[in-house]
Amino acid sequence: MQHKITFLALSNILKAVEGGCTFGSIELESQIVLKFIAANEQAGVELCVTDITNNNAIPGAAATKLKRVHRLRDEGWLDFSTSDQHHRRLRIVLSQKAKDEMRQMSELLHHQLRSILS
């Protein structure tokens, strides 16, 4: 039972951290896209639009995912640039706004966890 309580407590902390930032106001599917891009960026993997639209782990039809990516770019969460792999491929990266937001969430999470564990 203790594991279940720990999981719920951590889940609540994550929701509070995300909710306390602009990131929490973004729809869930867009959060999934941003987290997917962030994880791949951190791993050094270059992504393009088709990596998002063809990914079945991201909810929605390909056209919906494409619209979502363009909307996230228009809202300042993503940047497009020319790929190093192919001249006709657009690389998707997190914008500075998104990186700052994720850094802020990481700091809040670190602070929350430190206060619980100490």
Foldseek 3Di string as FASTA:
>chain_A
DVVVVVVVVLVVLLLVLCCVFPNNVDDPLLNVVLVVQVVCVVVVHWDFLCVQQVDPVRDDHSVVSSVSLVVCVVVQQWDWDADPVDRVTITIHGGPVNVVRVVSSVVSSVVVVVVVVD
